[in-house]
Amino acid sequence: QVQLVESGGGLVQAGGSLRLSCAASGRTFSLNPMGWFRQAPGKERELVATMNYGGNTYYSDSVKGRFAISRDYAKNTVYLQMTSLKPADTAVYYCAADTRTTYGMPYVAAAYDYWGQGTQVTVSS
């Protein structure tokens, strides 16, 4: 059974930092892009960051310079280091993998075919 399990969410004050982890099991995603999405109440799920097999990354404008995505291929894990957090970053954060490409970096949620269950990040002002 293939699973993506996120961890590391929680409550943090504005300006603080959190590191999210997403551990994959059941298959390797080392040849595929993996990304982080988030969804706030009443809003659509949006891409935060993604990294492809070649190590290329993409960040949404809202998090560029504050968040960093990384991968440990040996551990089949993707991370999201979040710094200078703002209340607007409050959302459920999901990791996802797209097994249909290797060097692509899809921006839309529909392109990703494996998803974690999500982890809540709440940033207080």
C-alpha atoms as a PDB file:
ATOM      1  CA  GLN A   1       0.000   0.000   0.000  1.00  0.00           C
ATOM      2  CA  VAL A   2       1.410   3.340  -1.046  1.00  0.00           C
ATOM      3  CA  GLN A   3       1.302   6.040   1.601  1.00  0.00           C
ATOM      4  CA  LEU A   4       2.465   9.602   2.021  1.00  0.00           C
ATOM      5  CA  VAL A   5       2.472  10.660   5.653  1.00  0.00           C
ATOM      6  CA  GLU A   6       3.022  14.286   6.625  1.00  0.00           C
ATOM      7  CA  SER A   7       4.230  15.463  10.013  1.00  0.00           C
ATOM      8  CA  GLY A   8       5.587  18.587  11.639  1.00  0.00           C
ATOM      9  CA  GLY A   9       2.574  20.851  11.556  1.00  0.00           C
ATOM     10  CA  GLY A  10       1.402  22.810  14.560  1.00  0.00           C
ATOM     11  CA  LEU A  11       0.747  26.206  16.085  1.00  0.00           C
ATOM     12  CA  VAL A  12       3.432  28.859  15.766  1.00  0.00           C
ATOM     13  CA  GLN A  13       3.608  32.612  16.245  1.00  0.00           C
ATOM     14  CA  ALA A  14       4.078  34.939  13.319  1.00  0.00           C
ATOM     15  CA  GLY A  15       7.741  35.154  12.400  1.00  0.00           C
ATOM     16  CA  GLY A  16       8.398  31.631  13.583  1.00  0.00           C
ATOM     17  CA  SER A  17       9.495  28.533  11.716  1.00  0.00           C
ATOM     18  CA  LEU A  18       8.288  25.004  11.123  1.00  0.00           C
ATOM     19  CA  ARG A  19       9.654  22.059   9.198  1.00  0.00           C
ATOM     20  CA  LEU A  20       7.203  19.708   7.550  1.00  0.00           C
ATOM     21  CA  SER A  21       8.157  16.181   6.583  1.00  0.00           C
ATOM     22  CA  CYS A  22       6.460  13.773   4.215  1.00  0.00           C
ATOM     23  CA  ALA A  23       7.571  10.166   4.350  1.00  0.00           C
ATOM     24  CA  ALA A  24       6.616   7.908   1.471  1.00  0.00           C
ATOM     25  CA  SER A  25       6.218   4.167   1.749  1.00  0.00           C
ATOM     26  CA  GLY A  26       5.085   1.385  -0.517  1.00  0.00           C
ATOM     27  CA  ARG A  27       7.019   2.669  -3.544  1.00  0.00           C
ATOM     28  CA  THR A  28       9.799   5.075  -4.361  1.00  0.00           C
ATOM     29  CA  PHE A  29       9.130   8.479  -5.844  1.00  0.00           C
ATOM     30  CA  SER A  30      12.779   9.310  -6.468  1.00  0.00           C
ATOM     31  CA  LEU A  31      12.205   9.616 -10.228  1.00  0.00           C
ATOM     32  CA  ASN A  32       9.138  11.819  -9.860  1.00  0.00           C
ATOM     33  CA  PRO A  33       8.334  15.353  -8.818  1.00  0.00           C
ATOM     34  CA  MET A  34       7.027  15.806  -5.318  1.00  0.00           C
ATOM     35  CA  GLY A  35       5.398  18.920  -4.048  1.00  0.00           C
ATOM     36  CA  TRP A  36       3.672  20.668  -1.202  1.00  0.00           C
ATOM     37  CA  PHE A  37       0.214  22.160  -1.503  1.00  0.00           C
ATOM     38  CA  ARG A  38      -1.911  23.983   1.022  1.00  0.00           C
ATOM     39  CA  GLN A  39      -5.583  24.654   1.452  1.00  0.00           C
ATOM     40  CA  ALA A  40      -7.076  27.289   3.697  1.00  0.00           C
ATOM     41  CA  PRO A  41     -10.777  27.226   4.692  1.00  0.00           C
ATOM     42  CA  GLY A  42     -12.964  28.352   1.816  1.00  0.00           C
ATOM     43  CA  LYS A  43     -10.077  28.469  -0.633  1.00  0.00           C
ATOM     44  CA  GLU A  44      -8.803  26.209  -3.376  1.00  0.00           C
ATOM     45  CA  ARG A  45      -5.810  23.970  -2.876  1.00  0.00           C
ATOM     46  CA  GLU A  46      -2.734  25.803  -4.102  1.00  0.00           C
ATOM     47  CA  LEU A  47       0.794  24.775  -4.938  1.00  0.00           C
ATOM     48  CA  VAL A  48       3.402  25.980  -2.465  1.00  0.00           C
ATOM     49  CA  ALA A  49       6.554  24.335  -3.805  1.00  0.00           C
ATOM     50  CA  THR A  50       7.615  21.433  -5.963  1.00  0.00           C
ATOM     51  CA  MET A  51      10.861  19.690  -6.845  1.00  0.00           C
ATOM     52  CA  ASN A  52      11.498  17.385  -9.765  1.00  0.00           C
ATOM     53  CA  TYR A  53      13.920  14.501 -10.247  1.00  0.00           C
ATOM     54  CA  GLY A  54      16.652  16.850 -11.436  1.00  0.00           C
ATOM     55  CA  GLY A  55      16.447  18.921  -8.288  1.00  0.00           C
ATOM     56  CA  ASN A  56      14.794  21.873  -9.967  1.00  0.00           C
ATOM     57  CA  THR A  57      12.365  23.725  -7.760  1.00  0.00           C
ATOM     58  CA  TYR A  58       9.395  26.019  -8.112  1.00  0.00           C
ATOM     59  CA  TYR A  59       7.882  28.209  -5.408  1.00  0.00           C
ATOM     60  CA  SER A  60       4.716  30.227  -5.383  1.00  0.00           C
ATOM     61  CA  ASP A  61       5.307  33.960  -5.167  1.00  0.00           C
ATOM     62  CA  SER A  62       3.690  34.065  -1.740  1.00  0.00           C
ATOM     63  CA  VAL A  63       6.370  31.841  -0.167  1.00  0.00           C
ATOM     64  CA  LYS A  64       9.429  32.545  -2.314  1.00  0.00           C
ATOM     65  CA  GLY A  65      12.382  33.439  -0.123  1.00  0.00           C
ATOM     66  CA  ARG A  66      10.712  32.099   3.040  1.00  0.00           C
ATOM     67  CA  PHE A  67      10.095  28.415   2.306  1.00  0.00           C
ATOM     68  CA  ALA A  68      12.500  25.777   1.042  1.00  0.00           C
ATOM     69  CA  ILE A  69      11.687  22.342  -0.327  1.00  0.00           C
ATOM     70  CA  SER A  70      14.198  19.525  -0.103  1.00  0.00           C
ATOM     71  CA  ARG A  71      14.296  15.788  -0.573  1.00  0.00           C
ATOM     72  CA  ASP A  72      16.157  12.895   0.987  1.00  0.00           C
ATOM     73  CA  TYR A  73      16.038  10.260  -1.713  1.00  0.00           C
ATOM     74  CA  ALA A  74      17.524   7.576   0.528  1.00  0.00           C
ATOM     75  CA  LYS A  75      14.703   8.096   3.015  1.00  0.00           C
ATOM     76  CA  ASN A  76      12.021   8.614   0.334  1.00  0.00           C
ATOM     77  CA  THR A  77      11.098  11.811   2.169  1.00  0.00           C
ATOM     78  CA  VAL A  78      10.356  15.386   1.139  1.00  0.00           C
ATOM     79  CA  TYR A  79      10.632  18.357   3.477  1.00  0.00           C
ATOM     80  CA  LEU A  80       9.299  21.878   3.590  1.00  0.00           C
ATOM     81  CA  GLN A  81      11.244  24.311   5.735  1.00  0.00           C
ATOM     82  CA  MET A  82       9.054  27.287   6.499  1.00  0.00           C
ATOM     83  CA  THR A  83      10.468  30.481   7.983  1.00  0.00           C
ATOM     84  CA  SER A  84       9.146  33.972   8.655  1.00  0.00           C
ATOM     85  CA  LEU A  85       5.677  32.502   8.899  1.00  0.00           C
ATOM     86  CA  LYS A  86       2.667  34.762   8.527  1.00  0.00           C
ATOM     87  CA  PRO A  87      -0.968  34.316   9.567  1.00  0.00           C
ATOM     88  CA  ALA A  88      -1.757  34.056   5.831  1.00  0.00           C
ATOM     89  CA  ASP A  89       0.245  30.814   5.777  1.00  0.00           C
ATOM     90  CA  THR A  90      -2.363  29.148   7.982  1.00  0.00           C
ATOM     91  CA  ALA A  91      -3.726  26.121   6.123  1.00  0.00           C
ATOM     92  CA  VAL A  92      -3.694  22.370   5.868  1.00  0.00           C
ATOM     93  CA  TYR A  93      -0.502  21.384   4.092  1.00  0.00           C
ATOM     94  CA  TYR A  94      -0.413  18.337   1.821  1.00  0.00           C
ATOM     95  CA  CYS A  95       2.456  16.584   0.129  1.00  0.00           C
ATOM     96  CA  ALA A  96       1.896  15.009  -3.247  1.00  0.00           C
ATOM     97  CA  ALA A  97       3.704  13.028  -5.920  1.00  0.00           C
ATOM     98  CA  ASP A  98       3.202  12.887  -9.675  1.00  0.00           C
ATOM     99  CA  THR A  99       4.203   9.498 -11.050  1.00  0.00           C
ATOM    100  CA  ARG A 100       3.438  10.440 -14.649  1.00  0.00           C
ATOM    101  CA  THR A 101       6.501  12.608 -15.175  1.00  0.00           C
ATOM    102  CA  THR A 102      10.146  12.778 -14.175  1.00  0.00           C
ATOM    103  CA  TYR A 103      11.420  16.248 -15.052  1.00  0.00           C
ATOM    104  CA  GLY A 104       8.108  18.047 -15.018  1.00  0.00           C
ATOM    105  CA  MET A 105       7.043  20.360 -12.213  1.00  0.00           C
ATOM    106  CA  PRO A 106       3.271  20.434 -12.393  1.00  0.00           C
ATOM    107  CA  TYR A 107       1.623  23.470 -10.900  1.00  0.00           C
ATOM    108  CA  VAL A 108      -1.898  22.085 -10.608  1.00  0.00           C
ATOM    109  CA  ALA A 109      -3.193  19.672  -8.016  1.00  0.00           C
ATOM    110  CA  ALA A 110      -4.925  17.511 -10.615  1.00  0.00           C
ATOM    111  CA  ALA A 111      -1.557  16.471 -12.044  1.00  0.00           C
ATOM    112  CA  TYR A 112      -0.509  14.746  -8.822  1.00  0.00           C
ATOM    113  CA  ASP A 113      -1.774  11.217  -8.280  1.00  0.00           C
ATOM    114  CA  TYR A 114      -0.584  10.436  -4.762  1.00  0.00           C
ATOM    115  CA  TRP A 115      -1.488  12.539  -1.736  1.00  0.00           C
ATOM    116  CA  GLY A 116      -0.881  12.595   1.965  1.00  0.00           C
ATOM    117  CA  GLN A 117      -3.606  13.167   4.524  1.00  0.00           C
ATOM    118  CA  GLY A 118      -2.465  16.684   5.364  1.00  0.00           C
ATOM    119  CA  THR A 119      -1.050  18.434   8.411  1.00  0.00           C
ATOM    120  CA  GLN A 120      -2.449  21.598   9.970  1.00  0.00           C
ATOM    121  CA  VAL A 121      -0.267  24.688  10.203  1.00  0.00           C
ATOM    122  CA  THR A 122      -1.652  27.574  12.221  1.00  0.00           C
ATOM    123  CA  VAL A 123       0.206  30.870  12.491  1.00  0.00           C
ATOM    124  CA  SER A 124      -0.997  33.240  15.179  1.00  0.00           C
ATOM    125  CA  SER A 125      -0.553  36.997  14.981  1.00  0.00           C
END
